[in-house]
Amino acid sequence: MKTEKLVARMLNGEPFTYGDLARKFAPGKTEAHHDSNRLVDRMIQKLRRKGLIAFKREGGKVIWQATA
């Protein structure tokens, strides 16, 4: 259930950062090794490898967005 919501959020066309998703899908879990944060990272990388999302840098931020 959480995975479907996460993927839907990532592919809805709105730009996002890793931090935005980690706060939304793992609130209060600030440790980088927490399973919910790892889920966010794994999904970003999975969709990136499939070419469904791409990133751009804006200053110090990495902004992700759906490619299609």
N, C-alpha and C. Protein backbone atom coordinates (compact mmCIF):
# COMPACT_ATOMS: atom_id res chain seq x y z
N MET A 1 0.83 -1.19 0.00
CA MET A 1 0.00 0.00 0.00
C MET A 1 0.88 1.25 0.00
N LYS A 2 1.84 1.29 0.91
CA LYS A 2 2.72 2.46 0.98
C LYS A 2 3.53 2.61 -0.30
N THR A 3 3.96 1.49 -0.87
CA THR A 3 4.75 1.53 -2.09
C THR A 3 3.95 2.11 -3.24
N GLU A 4 2.68 1.72 -3.38
CA GLU A 4 1.85 2.25 -4.46
C GLU A 4 1.66 3.75 -4.32
N LYS A 5 1.44 4.22 -3.10
CA LYS A 5 1.28 5.65 -2.87
C LYS A 5 2.56 6.41 -3.19
N LEU A 6 3.69 5.82 -2.80
CA LEU A 6 4.99 6.44 -3.07
C LEU A 6 5.23 6.55 -4.57
N VAL A 7 5.01 5.48 -5.30
CA VAL A 7 5.24 5.49 -6.75
C VAL A 7 4.27 6.48 -7.42
N ALA A 8 3.02 6.47 -6.99
CA ALA A 8 2.04 7.41 -7.57
C ALA A 8 2.48 8.85 -7.34
N ARG A 9 3.01 9.14 -6.16
CA ARG A 9 3.49 10.49 -5.86
C ARG A 9 4.67 10.86 -6.75
N MET A 10 5.57 9.91 -6.97
CA MET A 10 6.77 10.19 -7.76
C MET A 10 6.45 10.39 -9.23
N LEU A 11 5.40 9.74 -9.72
CA LEU A 11 5.08 9.80 -11.14
C LEU A 11 3.95 10.77 -11.48
N ASN A 12 3.48 11.55 -10.51
CA ASN A 12 2.34 12.44 -10.78
C ASN A 12 2.72 13.72 -11.51
N GLY A 13 4.00 13.92 -11.78
CA GLY A 13 4.43 15.08 -12.55
C GLY A 13 4.96 16.23 -11.72
N GLU A 14 4.67 16.24 -10.41
CA GLU A 14 5.19 17.30 -9.54
C GLU A 14 6.64 17.00 -9.18
N PRO A 15 7.49 18.02 -9.20
CA PRO A 15 8.88 17.81 -8.78
C PRO A 15 8.94 17.44 -7.29
N PHE A 16 9.97 16.71 -6.89
CA PHE A 16 10.13 16.31 -5.49
C PHE A 16 11.60 16.15 -5.17
N THR A 17 11.89 16.16 -3.89
CA THR A 17 13.24 15.85 -3.42
C THR A 17 13.16 14.59 -2.57
N TYR A 18 14.28 13.96 -2.39
CA TYR A 18 14.35 12.79 -1.52
C TYR A 18 13.84 13.15 -0.13
N GLY A 19 14.26 14.30 0.38
CA GLY A 19 13.85 14.73 1.71
C GLY A 19 12.35 14.91 1.83
N ASP A 20 11.72 15.46 0.80
CA ASP A 20 10.26 15.62 0.81
C ASP A 20 9.58 14.26 0.98
N LEU A 21 10.01 13.28 0.20
CA LEU A 21 9.39 11.97 0.26
C LEU A 21 9.69 11.27 1.58
N ALA A 22 10.91 11.41 2.07
CA ALA A 22 11.27 10.77 3.34
C ALA A 22 10.42 11.34 4.48
N ARG A 23 10.20 12.65 4.47
CA ARG A 23 9.37 13.25 5.51
C ARG A 23 7.92 12.79 5.41
N LYS A 24 7.42 12.65 4.19
CA LYS A 24 6.03 12.26 4.01
C LYS A 24 5.79 10.78 4.28
N PHE A 25 6.69 9.94 3.81
CA PHE A 25 6.48 8.50 3.90
C PHE A 25 7.19 7.86 5.08
N ALA A 26 8.00 8.60 5.82
CA ALA A 26 8.64 8.09 7.03
C ALA A 26 8.72 9.21 8.07
N PRO A 27 7.57 9.81 8.44
CA PRO A 27 7.61 10.95 9.37
C PRO A 27 8.22 10.55 10.71
N GLY A 28 9.10 11.39 11.19
CA GLY A 28 9.75 11.14 12.47
C GLY A 28 10.90 10.16 12.41
N LYS A 29 11.14 9.57 11.29
CA LYS A 29 12.21 8.57 11.13
C LYS A 29 13.38 9.25 10.43
N THR A 30 14.21 9.93 11.18
CA THR A 30 15.27 10.73 10.58
C THR A 30 16.56 9.94 10.33
N GLU A 31 16.67 8.75 10.88
CA GLU A 31 17.89 7.99 10.66
C GLU A 31 17.97 7.55 9.21
N ALA A 32 19.12 7.73 8.60
CA ALA A 32 19.29 7.41 7.18
C ALA A 32 19.10 5.93 6.91
N HIS A 33 19.36 5.08 7.90
CA HIS A 33 19.26 3.64 7.70
C HIS A 33 17.87 3.09 8.00
N HIS A 34 16.93 3.93 8.37
CA HIS A 34 15.59 3.46 8.68
C HIS A 34 14.96 2.83 7.44
N ASP A 35 14.22 1.73 7.64
CA ASP A 35 13.65 0.99 6.51
C ASP A 35 12.77 1.84 5.60
N SER A 36 11.97 2.76 6.17
CA SER A 36 11.10 3.60 5.34
C SER A 36 11.92 4.52 4.45
N ASN A 37 13.03 5.07 4.97
CA ASN A 37 13.90 5.91 4.16
C ASN A 37 14.57 5.09 3.08
N ARG A 38 14.92 3.85 3.39
CA ARG A 38 15.53 2.98 2.39
C ARG A 38 14.53 2.65 1.29
N LEU A 39 13.25 2.51 1.65
CA LEU A 39 12.22 2.27 0.65
C LEU A 39 12.17 3.42 -0.34
N VAL A 40 12.19 4.65 0.17
CA VAL A 40 12.16 5.84 -0.69
C VAL A 40 13.37 5.82 -1.62
N ASP A 41 14.54 5.58 -1.09
CA ASP A 41 15.76 5.56 -1.91
C ASP A 41 15.71 4.46 -2.96
N ARG A 42 15.29 3.27 -2.57
CA ARG A 42 15.22 2.15 -3.52
C ARG A 42 14.23 2.45 -4.65
N MET A 43 13.10 3.06 -4.33
CA MET A 43 12.11 3.36 -5.36
C MET A 43 12.60 4.45 -6.31
N ILE A 44 13.28 5.46 -5.77
CA ILE A 44 13.86 6.49 -6.63
C ILE A 44 14.84 5.84 -7.62
N GLN A 45 15.72 4.99 -7.12
CA GLN A 45 16.72 4.37 -7.99
C GLN A 45 16.08 3.41 -8.99
N LYS A 46 15.06 2.68 -8.57
CA LYS A 46 14.38 1.75 -9.48
C LYS A 46 13.72 2.51 -10.63
N LEU A 47 13.02 3.59 -10.32
CA LEU A 47 12.35 4.38 -11.36
C LEU A 47 13.36 5.13 -12.23
N ARG A 48 14.48 5.55 -11.63
CA ARG A 48 15.53 6.22 -12.41
C ARG A 48 16.14 5.26 -13.43
N ARG A 49 16.43 4.04 -13.00
CA ARG A 49 17.02 3.05 -13.92
C ARG A 49 16.07 2.70 -15.06
N LYS A 50 14.77 2.74 -14.81
CA LYS A 50 13.79 2.47 -15.86
C LYS A 50 13.56 3.68 -16.76
N GLY A 51 14.14 4.83 -16.39
CA GLY A 51 13.99 6.03 -17.19
C GLY A 51 12.68 6.78 -16.94
N LEU A 52 11.99 6.45 -15.85
CA LEU A 52 10.71 7.08 -15.56
C LEU A 52 10.84 8.41 -14.83
N ILE A 53 11.97 8.60 -14.15
CA ILE A 53 12.24 9.88 -13.48
C ILE A 53 13.67 10.31 -13.79
N ALA A 54 13.88 11.60 -13.70
CA ALA A 54 15.22 12.17 -13.92
C ALA A 54 15.42 13.30 -12.91
N PHE A 55 16.67 13.67 -12.71
CA PHE A 55 16.94 14.73 -11.75
C PHE A 55 17.62 15.92 -12.41
N LYS A 56 17.51 17.05 -11.73
CA LYS A 56 18.26 18.24 -12.09
C LYS A 56 18.71 18.88 -10.79
N ARG A 57 19.75 19.64 -10.87
CA ARG A 57 20.26 20.32 -9.67
C ARG A 57 19.83 21.77 -9.70
N GLU A 58 19.34 22.23 -8.57
CA GLU A 58 19.00 23.64 -8.39
C GLU A 58 19.73 24.10 -7.13
N GLY A 59 20.84 24.76 -7.33
CA GLY A 59 21.66 25.14 -6.18
C GLY A 59 22.17 23.88 -5.51
N GLY A 60 21.89 23.74 -4.23
CA GLY A 60 22.34 22.57 -3.49
C GLY A 60 21.32 21.46 -3.47
N LYS A 61 20.20 21.60 -4.14
CA LYS A 61 19.14 20.60 -4.10
C LYS A 61 19.15 19.74 -5.36
N VAL A 62 18.78 18.48 -5.19
CA VAL A 62 18.56 17.58 -6.30
C VAL A 62 17.05 17.44 -6.44
N ILE A 63 16.51 17.88 -7.57
CA ILE A 63 15.08 17.86 -7.81
C ILE A 63 14.78 16.74 -8.80
N TRP A 64 13.89 15.85 -8.40
CA TRP A 64 13.47 14.74 -9.23
C TRP A 64 12.13 15.06 -9.86
N GLN A 65 11.88 14.51 -11.06
CA GLN A 65 10.60 14.71 -11.71
C GLN A 65 10.37 13.59 -12.73
N ALA A 66 9.10 13.23 -12.92
CA ALA A 66 8.76 12.21 -13.91
C ALA A 66 9.18 12.69 -15.30
N THR A 67 9.62 11.77 -16.12
CA THR A 67 10.11 12.13 -17.45
C THR A 67 9.00 12.15 -18.49
N ALA A 68 7.92 11.47 -18.26
CA ALA A 68 6.84 11.43 -19.26
C ALA A 68 5.52 11.88 -18.67
